[in-house]
PDB file of all heavy atoms in Angstrom:
ATOM      1  N   GLY A   1     -13.261 -19.791  18.387  1.00  0.00           N
ATOM      2  CA  GLY A   1     -12.791 -19.966  19.751  1.00  0.00           C
ATOM      3  C   GLY A   1     -13.291 -18.842  20.641  1.00  0.00           C
ATOM      4  O   GLY A   1     -14.471 -18.541  20.698  1.00  0.00           O
ATOM      5  N   ASP A   2     -12.354 -18.176  21.325  1.00  0.00           N
ATOM      6  CA  ASP A   2     -12.708 -17.081  22.236  1.00  0.00           C
ATOM      7  C   ASP A   2     -12.641 -15.704  21.559  1.00  0.00           C
ATOM      8  O   ASP A   2     -12.846 -14.690  22.213  1.00  0.00           O
ATOM      9  CB  ASP A   2     -11.745 -17.075  23.430  1.00  0.00           C
ATOM     10  CG  ASP A   2     -11.819 -18.363  24.239  1.00  0.00           C
ATOM     11  OD1 ASP A   2     -12.899 -18.969  24.279  1.00  0.00           O
ATOM     12  OD2 ASP A   2     -10.780 -18.757  24.813  1.00  0.00           O
ATOM     13  N   ARG A   3     -12.371 -15.672  20.256  1.00  0.00           N
ATOM     14  CA  ARG A   3     -12.082 -14.414  19.568  1.00  0.00           C
ATOM     15  C   ARG A   3     -13.227 -13.978  18.652  1.00  0.00           C
ATOM     16  O   ARG A   3     -13.800 -14.783  17.931  1.00  0.00           O
ATOM     17  CB  ARG A   3     -10.806 -14.558  18.729  1.00  0.00           C
ATOM     18  CG  ARG A   3     -10.328 -13.277  18.074  1.00  0.00           C
ATOM     19  CD  ARG A   3      -9.053 -13.513  17.288  1.00  0.00           C
ATOM     20  NE  ARG A   3      -9.289 -14.329  16.093  1.00  0.00           N
ATOM     21  CZ  ARG A   3      -8.324 -14.795  15.309  1.00  0.00           C
ATOM     22  NH1 ARG A   3      -7.054 -14.578  15.623  1.00  0.00           N
ATOM     23  NH2 ARG A   3      -8.610 -15.502  14.235  1.00  0.00           N
ATOM     24  N   LEU A   4     -13.533 -12.682  18.695  1.00  0.00           N
ATOM     25  CA  LEU A   4     -14.482 -12.056  17.782  1.00  0.00           C
ATOM     26  C   LEU A   4     -13.758 -10.933  17.060  1.00  0.00           C
ATOM     27  O   LEU A   4     -13.031 -10.155  17.686  1.00  0.00           O
ATOM     28  CB  LEU A   4     -15.683 -11.507  18.551  1.00  0.00           C
ATOM     29  CG  LEU A   4     -16.811 -10.886  17.726  1.00  0.00           C
ATOM     30  CD1 LEU A   4     -17.618 -11.960  17.019  1.00  0.00           C
ATOM     31  CD2 LEU A   4     -17.731 -10.046  18.626  1.00  0.00           C
ATOM     32  N   GLN A   5     -13.942 -10.827  15.735  1.00  0.00           N
ATOM     33  CA  GLN A   5     -13.260  -9.806  14.961  1.00  0.00           C
ATOM     34  C   GLN A   5     -14.233  -9.087  14.032  1.00  0.00           C
ATOM     35  O   GLN A   5     -15.077  -9.730  13.406  1.00  0.00           O
ATOM     36  CB  GLN A   5     -12.145 -10.422  14.106  1.00  0.00           C
ATOM     37  CG  GLN A   5     -11.013 -11.043  14.907  1.00  0.00           C
ATOM     38  CD  GLN A   5      -9.955 -11.658  14.015  1.00  0.00           C
ATOM     39  OE1 GLN A   5     -10.268 -12.409  13.093  1.00  0.00           O
ATOM     40  NE2 GLN A   5      -8.696 -11.346  14.280  1.00  0.00           N
ATOM     41  N   VAL A   6     -14.111  -7.783  13.941  1.00  0.00           N
ATOM     42  CA  VAL A   6     -14.858  -7.010  12.961  1.00  0.00           C
ATOM     43  C   VAL A   6     -13.885  -6.631  11.849  1.00  0.00           C
ATOM     44  O   VAL A   6     -12.936  -5.870  12.078  1.00  0.00           O
ATOM     45  CB  VAL A   6     -15.479  -5.749  13.586  1.00  0.00           C
ATOM     46  CG1 VAL A   6     -16.215  -4.937  12.529  1.00  0.00           C
ATOM     47  CG2 VAL A   6     -16.430  -6.126  14.720  1.00  0.00           C
ATOM     48  N   TRP A   7     -14.098  -7.192  10.656  1.00  0.00           N
ATOM     49  CA  TRP A   7     -13.228  -6.911   9.522  1.00  0.00           C
ATOM     50  C   TRP A   7     -13.617  -5.572   8.897  1.00  0.00           C
ATOM     51  O   TRP A   7     -14.776  -5.195   8.865  1.00  0.00           O
ATOM     52  CB  TRP A   7     -13.346  -8.007   8.460  1.00  0.00           C
ATOM     53  CG  TRP A   7     -12.713  -9.308   8.832  1.00  0.00           C
ATOM     54  CD1 TRP A   7     -13.270 -10.317   9.568  1.00  0.00           C
ATOM     55  CD2 TRP A   7     -11.405  -9.745   8.487  1.00  0.00           C
ATOM     56  NE1 TRP A   7     -12.390 -11.354   9.701  1.00  0.00           N
ATOM     57  CE2 TRP A   7     -11.234 -11.037   9.044  1.00  0.00           C
ATOM     58  CE3 TRP A   7     -10.360  -9.185   7.752  1.00  0.00           C
ATOM     59  CZ2 TRP A   7     -10.064 -11.771   8.886  1.00  0.00           C
ATOM     60  CZ3 TRP A   7      -9.196  -9.912   7.596  1.00  0.00           C
ATOM     61  CH2 TRP A   7      -9.049 -11.185   8.167  1.00  0.00           C
ATOM     62  N   THR A   8     -12.629  -4.854   8.371  1.00  0.00           N
ATOM     63  CA  THR A   8     -12.893  -3.595   7.684  1.00  0.00           C
ATOM     64  C   THR A   8     -12.762  -3.783   6.180  1.00  0.00           C
ATOM     65  O   THR A   8     -12.231  -4.787   5.698  1.00  0.00           O
ATOM     66  CB  THR A   8     -11.904  -2.511   8.128  1.00  0.00           C
ATOM     67  OG1 THR A   8     -10.579  -2.886   7.703  1.00  0.00           O
ATOM     68  CG2 THR A   8     -11.939  -2.325   9.629  1.00  0.00           C
ATOM     69  N   HIS A   9     -13.226  -2.791   5.457  1.00  0.00           N
ATOM     70  CA  HIS A   9     -12.971  -2.759   4.022  1.00  0.00           C
ATOM     71  C   HIS A   9     -11.462  -2.668   3.782  1.00  0.00           C
ATOM     72  O   HIS A   9     -10.739  -2.066   4.590  1.00  0.00           O
ATOM     73  CB  HIS A   9     -13.606  -1.521   3.385  1.00  0.00           C
ATOM     74  CG  HIS A   9     -15.083  -1.551   3.335  1.00  0.00           C
ATOM     75  ND1 HIS A   9     -15.778  -2.199   2.352  1.00  0.00           N
ATOM     76  CD2 HIS A   9     -16.016  -1.005   4.148  1.00  0.00           C
ATOM     77  CE1 HIS A   9     -17.069  -2.042   2.548  1.00  0.00           C
ATOM     78  NE2 HIS A   9     -17.243  -1.332   3.642  1.00  0.00           N
ATOM     79  N   PRO A  10     -10.973  -3.217   2.672  1.00  0.00           N
ATOM     80  CA  PRO A  10      -9.578  -2.924   2.304  1.00  0.00           C
ATOM     81  C   PRO A  10      -9.411  -1.412   2.138  1.00  0.00           C
ATOM     82  O   PRO A  10     -10.219  -0.767   1.475  1.00  0.00           O
ATOM     83  CB  PRO A  10      -9.418  -3.643   0.959  1.00  0.00           C
ATOM     84  CG  PRO A  10     -10.461  -4.712   0.967  1.00  0.00           C
ATOM     85  CD  PRO A  10     -11.625  -4.136   1.720  1.00  0.00           C
ATOM     86  N   GLN A  11      -8.405  -0.866   2.756  1.00  0.00           N
ATOM     87  CA  GLN A  11      -8.188   0.573   2.734  1.00  0.00           C
ATOM     88  C   GLN A  11      -6.793   0.888   2.206  1.00  0.00           C
ATOM     89  O   GLN A  11      -5.856   0.120   2.418  1.00  0.00           O
ATOM     90  CB  GLN A  11      -8.325   1.156   4.152  1.00  0.00           C
ATOM     91  CG  GLN A  11      -9.682   0.953   4.792  1.00  0.00           C
ATOM     92  CD  GLN A  11     -10.748   1.848   4.184  1.00  0.00           C
ATOM     93  OE1 GLN A  11     -10.444   2.739   3.399  1.00  0.00           O
ATOM     94  NE2 GLN A  11     -11.995   1.609   4.539  1.00  0.00           N
ATOM     95  N   PRO A  12      -6.631   2.023   1.514  1.00  0.00           N
ATOM     96  CA  PRO A  12      -5.281   2.414   1.094  1.00  0.00           C
ATOM     97  C   PRO A  12      -4.367   2.574   2.311  1.00  0.00           C
ATOM     98  O   PRO A  12      -4.735   3.226   3.287  1.00  0.00           O
ATOM     99  CB  PRO A  12      -5.503   3.761   0.388  1.00  0.00           C
ATOM    100  CG  PRO A  12      -6.945   3.759  -0.006  1.00  0.00           C
ATOM    101  CD  PRO A  12      -7.652   2.982   1.064  1.00  0.00           C
ATOM    102  N   GLU A  13      -3.219   1.978   2.227  1.00  0.00           N
ATOM    103  CA  GLU A  13      -2.274   2.053   3.341  1.00  0.00           C
ATOM    104  C   GLU A  13      -1.399   3.307   3.252  1.00  0.00           C
ATOM    105  O   GLU A  13      -0.941   3.826   4.255  1.00  0.00           O
ATOM    106  CB  GLU A  13      -1.384   0.800   3.344  1.00  0.00           C
ATOM    107  CG  GLU A  13      -0.381   0.722   4.474  1.00  0.00           C
ATOM    108  CD  GLU A  13      -1.035   0.562   5.845  1.00  0.00           C
ATOM    109  OE1 GLU A  13      -2.210   0.117   5.896  1.00  0.00           O
ATOM    110  OE2 GLU A  13      -0.388   0.885   6.854  1.00  0.00           O
ATOM    111  N   ALA A  14      -1.169   3.756   2.034  1.00  0.00           N
ATOM    112  CA  ALA A  14      -0.347   4.960   1.844  1.00  0.00           C
ATOM    113  C   ALA A  14      -0.833   5.697   0.606  1.00  0.00           C
ATOM    114  O   ALA A  14      -1.290   5.076  -0.354  1.00  0.00           O
ATOM    115  CB  ALA A  14       1.123   4.584   1.693  1.00  0.00           C
ATOM    116  N   THR A  15      -0.719   7.024   0.620  1.00  0.00           N
ATOM    117  CA  THR A  15      -1.132   7.840  -0.520  1.00  0.00           C
ATOM    118  C   THR A  15      -0.045   8.858  -0.820  1.00  0.00           C
ATOM    119  O   THR A  15       0.422   9.559   0.083  1.00  0.00           O
ATOM    120  CB  THR A  15      -2.460   8.570  -0.229  1.00  0.00           C
ATOM    121  OG1 THR A  15      -3.477   7.606   0.080  1.00  0.00           O
ATOM    122  CG2 THR A  15      -2.903   9.389  -1.439  1.00  0.00           C
ATOM    123  N   GLU A  16       0.382   8.900  -2.065  1.00  0.00           N
ATOM    124  CA  GLU A  16       1.413   9.852  -2.498  1.00  0.00           C
ATOM    125  C   GLU A  16       0.924  10.587  -3.742  1.00  0.00           C
ATOM    126  O   GLU A  16       0.148  10.027  -4.535  1.00  0.00           O
ATOM    127  CB  GLU A  16       2.721   9.119  -2.828  1.00  0.00           C
ATOM    128  CG  GLU A  16       3.382   8.447  -1.634  1.00  0.00           C
ATOM    129  CD  GLU A  16       4.093   9.443  -0.742  1.00  0.00           C
ATOM    130  OE1 GLU A  16       4.461  10.517  -1.238  1.00  0.00           O
ATOM    131  OE2 GLU A  16       4.277   9.137   0.456  1.00  0.00           O
ATOM    132  N   TYR A  17       1.372  11.819  -3.930  1.00  0.00           N
ATOM    133  CA  TYR A  17       1.003  12.609  -5.101  1.00  0.00           C
ATOM    134  C   TYR A  17       2.261  13.125  -5.797  1.00  0.00           C
ATOM    135  O   TYR A  17       3.255  13.458  -5.150  1.00  0.00           O
ATOM    136  CB  TYR A  17       0.134  13.804  -4.705  1.00  0.00           C
ATOM    137  CG  TYR A  17      -1.185  13.406  -4.068  1.00  0.00           C
ATOM    138  CD1 TYR A  17      -1.295  13.288  -2.689  1.00  0.00           C
ATOM    139  CD2 TYR A  17      -2.308  13.156  -4.851  1.00  0.00           C
ATOM    140  CE1 TYR A  17      -2.500  12.926  -2.088  1.00  0.00           C
ATOM    141  CE2 TYR A  17      -3.516  12.787  -4.272  1.00  0.00           C
ATOM    142  CZ  TYR A  17      -3.609  12.672  -2.894  1.00  0.00           C
ATOM    143  OH  TYR A  17      -4.798  12.312  -2.310  1.00  0.00           O
ATOM    144  N   ARG A  18       2.222  13.160  -7.112  1.00  0.00           N
ATOM    145  CA  ARG A  18       3.282  13.762  -7.913  1.00  0.00           C
ATOM    146  C   ARG A  18       2.641  14.639  -8.976  1.00  0.00           C
ATOM    147  O   ARG A  18       1.774  14.173  -9.728  1.00  0.00           O
ATOM    148  CB  ARG A  18       4.154  12.681  -8.585  1.00  0.00           C
ATOM    149  CG  ARG A  18       5.012  11.879  -7.633  1.00  0.00           C
ATOM    150  CD  ARG A  18       6.120  12.713  -7.012  1.00  0.00           C
ATOM    151  NE  ARG A  18       6.958  11.930  -6.121  1.00  0.00           N
ATOM    152  CZ  ARG A  18       6.728  11.717  -4.833  1.00  0.00           C
ATOM    153  NH1 ARG A  18       5.659  12.254  -4.261  1.00  0.00           N
ATOM    154  NH2 ARG A  18       7.553  11.002  -4.102  1.00  0.00           N
ATOM    155  N   ASP A  19       3.019  15.903  -9.029  1.00  0.00           N
ATOM    156  CA  ASP A  19       2.497  16.794 -10.056  1.00  0.00           C
ATOM    157  C   ASP A  19       2.791  16.227 -11.437  1.00  0.00           C
ATOM    158  O   ASP A  19       3.920  15.809 -11.726  1.00  0.00           O
ATOM    159  CB  ASP A  19       3.131  18.186  -9.939  1.00  0.00           C
ATOM    160  CG  ASP A  19       2.691  18.928  -8.676  1.00  0.00           C
ATOM    161  OD1 ASP A  19       1.649  18.532  -8.108  1.00  0.00           O
ATOM    162  OD2 ASP A  19       3.394  19.873  -8.275  1.00  0.00           O
ATOM    163  N   GLY A  20       1.784  16.181 -12.258  1.00  0.00           N
ATOM    164  CA  GLY A  20       1.963  15.646 -13.606  1.00  0.00           C
ATOM    165  C   GLY A  20       1.715  14.159 -13.706  1.00  0.00           C
ATOM    166  O   GLY A  20       1.743  13.587 -14.804  1.00  0.00           O
ATOM    167  N   GLY A  21       1.467  13.504 -12.585  1.00  0.00           N
ATOM    168  CA  GLY A  21       1.141  12.084 -12.621  1.00  0.00           C
ATOM    169  C   GLY A  21       2.332  11.178 -12.423  1.00  0.00           C
ATOM    170  O   GLY A  21       3.453  11.632 -12.153  1.00  0.00           O
ATOM    171  N   TRP A  22       2.077   9.885 -12.584  1.00  0.00           N
ATOM    172  CA  TRP A  22       3.075   8.857 -12.288  1.00  0.00           C
ATOM    173  C   TRP A  22       3.506   8.166 -13.579  1.00  0.00           C
ATOM    174  O   TRP A  22       2.887   7.212 -14.023  1.00  0.00           O
ATOM    175  CB  TRP A  22       2.507   7.829 -11.303  1.00  0.00           C
ATOM    176  CG  TRP A  22       2.325   8.383  -9.928  1.00  0.00           C
ATOM    177  CD1 TRP A  22       1.235   9.031  -9.443  1.00  0.00           C
ATOM    178  CD2 TRP A  22       3.274   8.346  -8.883  1.00  0.00           C
ATOM    179  NE1 TRP A  22       1.435   9.416  -8.144  1.00  0.00           N
ATOM    180  CE2 TRP A  22       2.689   8.994  -7.763  1.00  0.00           C
ATOM    181  CE3 TRP A  22       4.566   7.844  -8.756  1.00  0.00           C
ATOM    182  CZ2 TRP A  22       3.360   9.149  -6.544  1.00  0.00           C
ATOM    183  CZ3 TRP A  22       5.231   7.990  -7.544  1.00  0.00           C
ATOM    184  CH2 TRP A  22       4.630   8.645  -6.458  1.00  0.00           C
ATOM    185  N   ASP A  23       4.593   8.660 -14.176  1.00  0.00           N
ATOM    186  CA  ASP A  23       5.096   7.976 -15.359  1.00  0.00           C
ATOM    187  C   ASP A  23       6.050   6.854 -14.941  1.00  0.00           C
ATOM    188  O   ASP A  23       6.309   6.632 -13.752  1.00  0.00           O
ATOM    189  CB  ASP A  23       5.774   8.967 -16.312  1.00  0.00           C
ATOM    190  CG  ASP A  23       6.960   9.691 -15.688  1.00  0.00           C
ATOM    191  OD1 ASP A  23       7.507   9.193 -14.678  1.00  0.00           O
ATOM    192  OD2 ASP A  23       7.335  10.775 -16.191  1.00  0.00           O
ATOM    193  N   PHE A  24       6.564   6.147 -15.907  1.00  0.00           N
ATOM    194  CA  PHE A  24       7.406   4.972 -15.650  1.00  0.00           C
ATOM    195  C   PHE A  24       8.610   5.328 -14.778  1.00  0.00           C
ATOM    196  O   PHE A  24       8.929   4.619 -13.805  1.00  0.00           O
ATOM    197  CB  PHE A  24       7.870   4.368 -16.976  1.00  0.00           C
ATOM    198  CG  PHE A  24       8.627   3.080 -16.837  1.00  0.00           C
ATOM    199  CD1 PHE A  24       7.997   1.853 -16.918  1.00  0.00           C
ATOM    200  CD2 PHE A  24      10.006   3.093 -16.596  1.00  0.00           C
ATOM    201  CE1 PHE A  24       8.703   0.664 -16.783  1.00  0.00           C
ATOM    202  CE2 PHE A  24      10.720   1.918 -16.450  1.00  0.00           C
ATOM    203  CZ  PHE A  24      10.065   0.698 -16.541  1.00  0.00           C
ATOM    204  N   ASP A  25       9.313   6.406 -15.105  1.00  0.00           N
ATOM    205  CA  ASP A  25      10.536   6.763 -14.376  1.00  0.00           C
ATOM    206  C   ASP A  25      10.237   7.131 -12.923  1.00  0.00           C
ATOM    207  O   ASP A  25      10.997   6.770 -12.013  1.00  0.00           O
ATOM    208  CB  ASP A  25      11.250   7.920 -15.079  1.00  0.00           C
ATOM    209  CG  ASP A  25      11.851   7.510 -16.412  1.00  0.00           C
ATOM    210  OD1 ASP A  25      12.100   6.293 -16.587  1.00  0.00           O
ATOM    211  OD2 ASP A  25      12.036   8.381 -17.279  1.00  0.00           O
ATOM    212  N   ARG A  26       9.121   7.844 -12.688  1.00  0.00           N
ATOM    213  CA  ARG A  26       8.775   8.206 -11.314  1.00  0.00           C
ATOM    214  C   ARG A  26       8.409   6.960 -10.507  1.00  0.00           C
ATOM    215  O   ARG A  26       8.747   6.843  -9.328  1.00  0.00           O
ATOM    216  CB  ARG A  26       7.609   9.197 -11.314  1.00  0.00           C
ATOM    217  CG  ARG A  26       8.025  10.610 -11.700  1.00  0.00           C
ATOM    218  CD  ARG A  26       6.835  11.520 -11.819  1.00  0.00           C
ATOM    219  NE  ARG A  26       7.260  12.906 -12.012  1.00  0.00           N
ATOM    220  CZ  ARG A  26       6.442  13.896 -12.379  1.00  0.00           C
ATOM    221  NH1 ARG A  26       5.164  13.633 -12.594  1.00  0.00           N
ATOM    222  NH2 ARG A  26       6.900  15.113 -12.531  1.00  0.00           N
ATOM    223  N   LEU A  27       7.709   6.043 -11.152  1.00  0.00           N
ATOM    224  CA  LEU A  27       7.373   4.788 -10.475  1.00  0.00           C
ATOM    225  C   LEU A  27       8.638   4.012 -10.117  1.00  0.00           C
ATOM    226  O   LEU A  27       8.774   3.474  -9.017  1.00  0.00           O
ATOM    227  CB  LEU A  27       6.464   3.929 -11.360  1.00  0.00           C
ATOM    228  CG  LEU A  27       5.039   4.448 -11.536  1.00  0.00           C
ATOM    229  CD1 LEU A  27       4.339   3.694 -12.652  1.00  0.00           C
ATOM    230  CD2 LEU A  27       4.260   4.305 -10.234  1.00  0.00           C
ATOM    231  N   ALA A  28       9.569   3.955 -11.057  1.00  0.00           N
ATOM    232  CA  ALA A  28      10.807   3.213 -10.817  1.00  0.00           C
ATOM    233  C   ALA A  28      11.595   3.819  -9.662  1.00  0.00           C
ATOM    234  O   ALA A  28      12.278   3.110  -8.903  1.00  0.00           O
ATOM    235  CB  ALA A  28      11.660   3.195 -12.084  1.00  0.00           C
ATOM    236  N   THR A  29      11.495   5.127  -9.494  1.00  0.00           N
ATOM    237  CA  THR A  29      12.228   5.807  -8.427  1.00  0.00           C
ATOM    238  C   THR A  29      11.559   5.658  -7.067  1.00  0.00           C
ATOM    239  O   THR A  29      12.218   5.435  -6.047  1.00  0.00           O
ATOM    240  CB  THR A  29      12.368   7.305  -8.758  1.00  0.00           C
ATOM    241  OG1 THR A  29      13.065   7.447  -9.994  1.00  0.00           O
ATOM    242  CG2 THR A  29      13.110   8.045  -7.658  1.00  0.00           C
ATOM    243  N   ASP A  30      10.227   5.766  -7.048  1.00  0.00           N
ATOM    244  CA  ASP A  30       9.528   5.907  -5.768  1.00  0.00           C
ATOM    245  C   ASP A  30       8.732   4.685  -5.309  1.00  0.00           C
ATOM    246  O   ASP A  30       8.566   4.474  -4.104  1.00  0.00           O
ATOM    247  CB  ASP A  30       8.563   7.101  -5.842  1.00  0.00           C
ATOM    248  CG  ASP A  30       9.289   8.425  -5.980  1.00  0.00           C
ATOM    249  OD1 ASP A  30      10.517   8.442  -5.791  1.00  0.00           O
ATOM    250  OD2 ASP A  30       8.627   9.435  -6.288  1.00  0.00           O
ATOM    251  N   LEU A  31       8.196   3.921  -6.262  1.00  0.00           N
ATOM    252  CA  LEU A  31       7.256   2.866  -5.868  1.00  0.00           C
ATOM    253  C   LEU A  31       7.877   1.747  -5.035  1.00  0.00           C
ATOM    254  O   LEU A  31       7.293   1.332  -4.025  1.00  0.00           O
ATOM    255  CB  LEU A  31       6.559   2.281  -7.101  1.00  0.00           C
ATOM    256  CG  LEU A  31       5.490   1.230  -6.807  1.00  0.00           C
ATOM    257  CD1 LEU A  31       4.401   1.792  -5.899  1.00  0.00           C
ATOM    258  CD2 LEU A  31       4.884   0.693  -8.103  1.00  0.00           C
ATOM    259  N   PRO A  32       9.064   1.208  -5.384  1.00  0.00           N
ATOM    260  CA  PRO A  32       9.598   0.105  -4.574  1.00  0.00           C
ATOM    261  C   PRO A  32       9.754   0.453  -3.095  1.00  0.00           C
ATOM    262  O   PRO A  32       9.414  -0.343  -2.218  1.00  0.00           O
ATOM    263  CB  PRO A  32      10.954  -0.179  -5.232  1.00  0.00           C
ATOM    264  CG  PRO A  32      10.763   0.232  -6.656  1.00  0.00           C
ATOM    265  CD  PRO A  32       9.900   1.446  -6.589  1.00  0.00           C
ATOM    266  N   ALA A  33      10.243   1.646  -2.796  1.00  0.00           N
ATOM    267  CA  ALA A  33      10.436   2.039  -1.399  1.00  0.00           C
ATOM    268  C   ALA A  33       9.094   2.220  -0.698  1.00  0.00           C
ATOM    269  O   ALA A  33       8.937   1.860   0.480  1.00  0.00           O
ATOM    270  CB  ALA A  33      11.244   3.330  -1.323  1.00  0.00           C
ATOM    271  N   LEU A  34       8.116   2.754  -1.420  1.00  0.00           N
ATOM    272  CA  LEU A  34       6.798   2.963  -0.827  1.00  0.00           C
ATOM    273  C   LEU A  34       6.132   1.636  -0.499  1.00  0.00           C
ATOM    274  O   LEU A  34       5.568   1.459   0.587  1.00  0.00           O
ATOM    275  CB  LEU A  34       5.924   3.779  -1.786  1.00  0.00           C
ATOM    276  CG  LEU A  34       4.568   4.233  -1.259  1.00  0.00           C
ATOM    277  CD1 LEU A  34       4.754   5.193  -0.077  1.00  0.00           C
ATOM    278  CD2 LEU A  34       3.766   4.902  -2.373  1.00  0.00           C
ATOM    279  N   VAL A  35       6.216   0.689  -1.424  1.00  0.00           N
ATOM    280  CA  VAL A  35       5.635  -0.636  -1.176  1.00  0.00           C
ATOM    281  C   VAL A  35       6.372  -1.342  -0.049  1.00  0.00           C
ATOM    282  O   VAL A  35       5.760  -1.979   0.816  1.00  0.00           O
ATOM    283  CB  VAL A  35       5.655  -1.489  -2.460  1.00  0.00           C
ATOM    284  CG1 VAL A  35       5.292  -2.940  -2.153  1.00  0.00           C
ATOM    285  CG2 VAL A  35       4.685  -0.918  -3.490  1.00  0.00           C
ATOM    286  N   ASP A  36       7.703  -1.220  -0.037  1.00  0.00           N
ATOM    287  CA  ASP A  36       8.480  -1.872   1.017  1.00  0.00           C
ATOM    288  C   ASP A  36       8.098  -1.346   2.392  1.00  0.00           C
ATOM    289  O   ASP A  36       8.058  -2.088   3.377  1.00  0.00           O
ATOM    290  CB  ASP A  36       9.971  -1.640   0.763  1.00  0.00           C
ATOM    291  CG  ASP A  36      10.832  -2.375   1.777  1.00  0.00           C
ATOM    292  OD1 ASP A  36      10.774  -3.615   1.818  1.00  0.00           O
ATOM    293  OD2 ASP A  36      11.540  -1.699   2.545  1.00  0.00           O
ATOM    294  N   GLN A  37       7.775  -0.065   2.471  1.00  0.00           N
ATOM    295  CA  GLN A  37       7.414   0.550   3.750  1.00  0.00           C
ATOM    296  C   GLN A  37       6.017   0.141   4.208  1.00  0.00           C
ATOM    297  O   GLN A  37       5.731   0.096   5.406  1.00  0.00           O
ATOM    298  CB  GLN A  37       7.481   2.074   3.605  1.00  0.00           C
ATOM    299  CG  GLN A  37       7.255   2.835   4.909  1.00  0.00           C
ATOM    300  CD  GLN A  37       7.359   4.332   4.718  1.00  0.00           C
ATOM    301  OE1 GLN A  37       7.680   4.819   3.632  1.00  0.00           O
ATOM    302  NE2 GLN A  37       7.092   5.087   5.782  1.00  0.00           N
ATOM    303  N   HIS A  38       5.148  -0.191   3.251  1.00  0.00           N
ATOM    304  CA  HIS A  38       3.747  -0.482   3.587  1.00  0.00           C
ATOM    305  C   HIS A  38       3.301  -1.829   3.010  1.00  0.00           C
ATOM    306  O   HIS A  38       2.158  -2.000   2.624  1.00  0.00           O
ATOM    307  CB  HIS A  38       2.843   0.632   3.043  1.00  0.00           C
ATOM    308  CG  HIS A  38       3.167   1.987   3.565  1.00  0.00           C
ATOM    309  ND1 HIS A  38       2.802   2.405   4.833  1.00  0.00           N
ATOM    310  CD2 HIS A  38       3.849   3.025   3.001  1.00  0.00           C
ATOM    311  CE1 HIS A  38       3.223   3.635   5.019  1.00  0.00           C
ATOM    312  NE2 HIS A  38       3.871   4.043   3.938  1.00  0.00           N
ATOM    313  N   ARG A  39       4.203  -2.779   2.971  1.00  0.00           N
ATOM    314  CA  ARG A  39       3.916  -4.075   2.335  1.00  0.00           C
ATOM    315  C   ARG A  39       2.738  -4.768   3.005  1.00  0.00           C
ATOM    316  O   ARG A  39       2.661  -4.845   4.231  1.00  0.00           O
ATOM    317  CB  ARG A  39       5.145  -4.972   2.405  1.00  0.00           C
ATOM    318  CG  ARG A  39       4.979  -6.294   1.648  1.00  0.00           C
ATOM    319  CD  ARG A  39       6.191  -7.192   1.831  1.00  0.00           C
ATOM    320  NE  ARG A  39       7.390  -6.588   1.263  1.00  0.00           N
ATOM    321  CZ  ARG A  39       8.413  -6.144   1.979  1.00  0.00           C
ATOM    322  NH1 ARG A  39       8.354  -6.201   3.310  1.00  0.00           N
ATOM    323  NH2 ARG A  39       9.473  -5.635   1.404  1.00  0.00           N
ATOM    324  N   GLN A  40       1.787  -5.292   2.209  1.00  0.00           N
ATOM    325  CA  GLN A  40       0.644  -6.014   2.754  1.00  0.00           C
ATOM    326  C   GLN A  40       1.010  -7.477   2.986  1.00  0.00           C
ATOM    327  O   GLN A  40       1.825  -8.051   2.261  1.00  0.00           O
ATOM    328  CB  GLN A  40      -0.556  -5.923   1.812  1.00  0.00           C
ATOM    329  CG  GLN A  40      -0.328  -6.539   0.438  1.00  0.00           C
ATOM    330  CD  GLN A  40      -1.544  -6.377  -0.463  1.00  0.00           C
ATOM    331  OE1 GLN A  40      -2.671  -6.467  -0.011  1.00  0.00           O
ATOM    332  NE2 GLN A  40      -1.294  -6.135  -1.744  1.00  0.00           N
ATOM    333  N   SER A  41       0.416  -8.055   4.001  1.00  0.00           N
ATOM    334  CA  SER A  41       0.653  -9.463   4.283  1.00  0.00           C
ATOM    335  C   SER A  41      -0.150 -10.325   3.309  1.00  0.00           C
ATOM    336  O   SER A  41      -1.186  -9.915   2.797  1.00  0.00           O
ATOM    337  CB  SER A  41       0.244  -9.795   5.719  1.00  0.00           C
ATOM    338  OG  SER A  41      -1.146  -9.570   5.901  1.00  0.00           O
ATOM    339  N   VAL A  42       0.351 -11.507   3.058  1.00  0.00           N
ATOM    340  CA  VAL A  42      -0.317 -12.458   2.164  1.00  0.00           C
ATOM    341  C   VAL A  42      -0.437 -13.783   2.899  1.00  0.00           C
ATOM    342  O   VAL A  42       0.551 -14.320   3.403  1.00  0.00           O
ATOM    343  CB  VAL A  42       0.475 -12.650   0.853  1.00  0.00           C
ATOM    344  CG1 VAL A  42      -0.213 -13.680  -0.034  1.00  0.00           C
ATOM    345  CG2 VAL A  42       0.613 -11.324   0.116  1.00  0.00           C
ATOM    346  N   GLY A  43      -1.647 -14.304   2.976  1.00  0.00           N
ATOM    347  CA  GLY A  43      -1.865 -15.576   3.658  1.00  0.00           C
ATOM    348  C   GLY A  43      -1.936 -15.399   5.166  1.00  0.00           C
ATOM    349  O   GLY A  43      -1.663 -14.333   5.718  1.00  0.00           O
ATOM    350  N   GLU A  44      -2.315 -16.480   5.828  1.00  0.00           N
ATOM    351  CA  GLU A  44      -2.445 -16.500   7.284  1.00  0.00           C
ATOM    352  C   GLU A  44      -1.135 -16.990   7.895  1.00  0.00           C
ATOM    353  O   GLU A  44      -0.635 -18.056   7.517  1.00  0.00           O
ATOM    354  CB  GLU A  44      -3.589 -17.423   7.699  1.00  0.00           C
ATOM    355  CG  GLU A  44      -4.033 -17.255   9.133  1.00  0.00           C
ATOM    356  CD  GLU A  44      -4.961 -16.064   9.339  1.00  0.00           C
ATOM    357  OE1 GLU A  44      -5.512 -15.574   8.345  1.00  0.00           O
ATOM    358  OE2 GLU A  44      -5.120 -15.645  10.497  1.00  0.00           O
TER     359      GLU A  44
END
């Protein structure tokens, strides 16, 4: 139609660091809230 769009590469929406890495317990504590804050859209 009347629209032109320049698509970008998929880019990280958020980056977090934890000393010692991300074990199961750290993921369980932090990942759900991080994803909820930066949730990607699916579909049009």
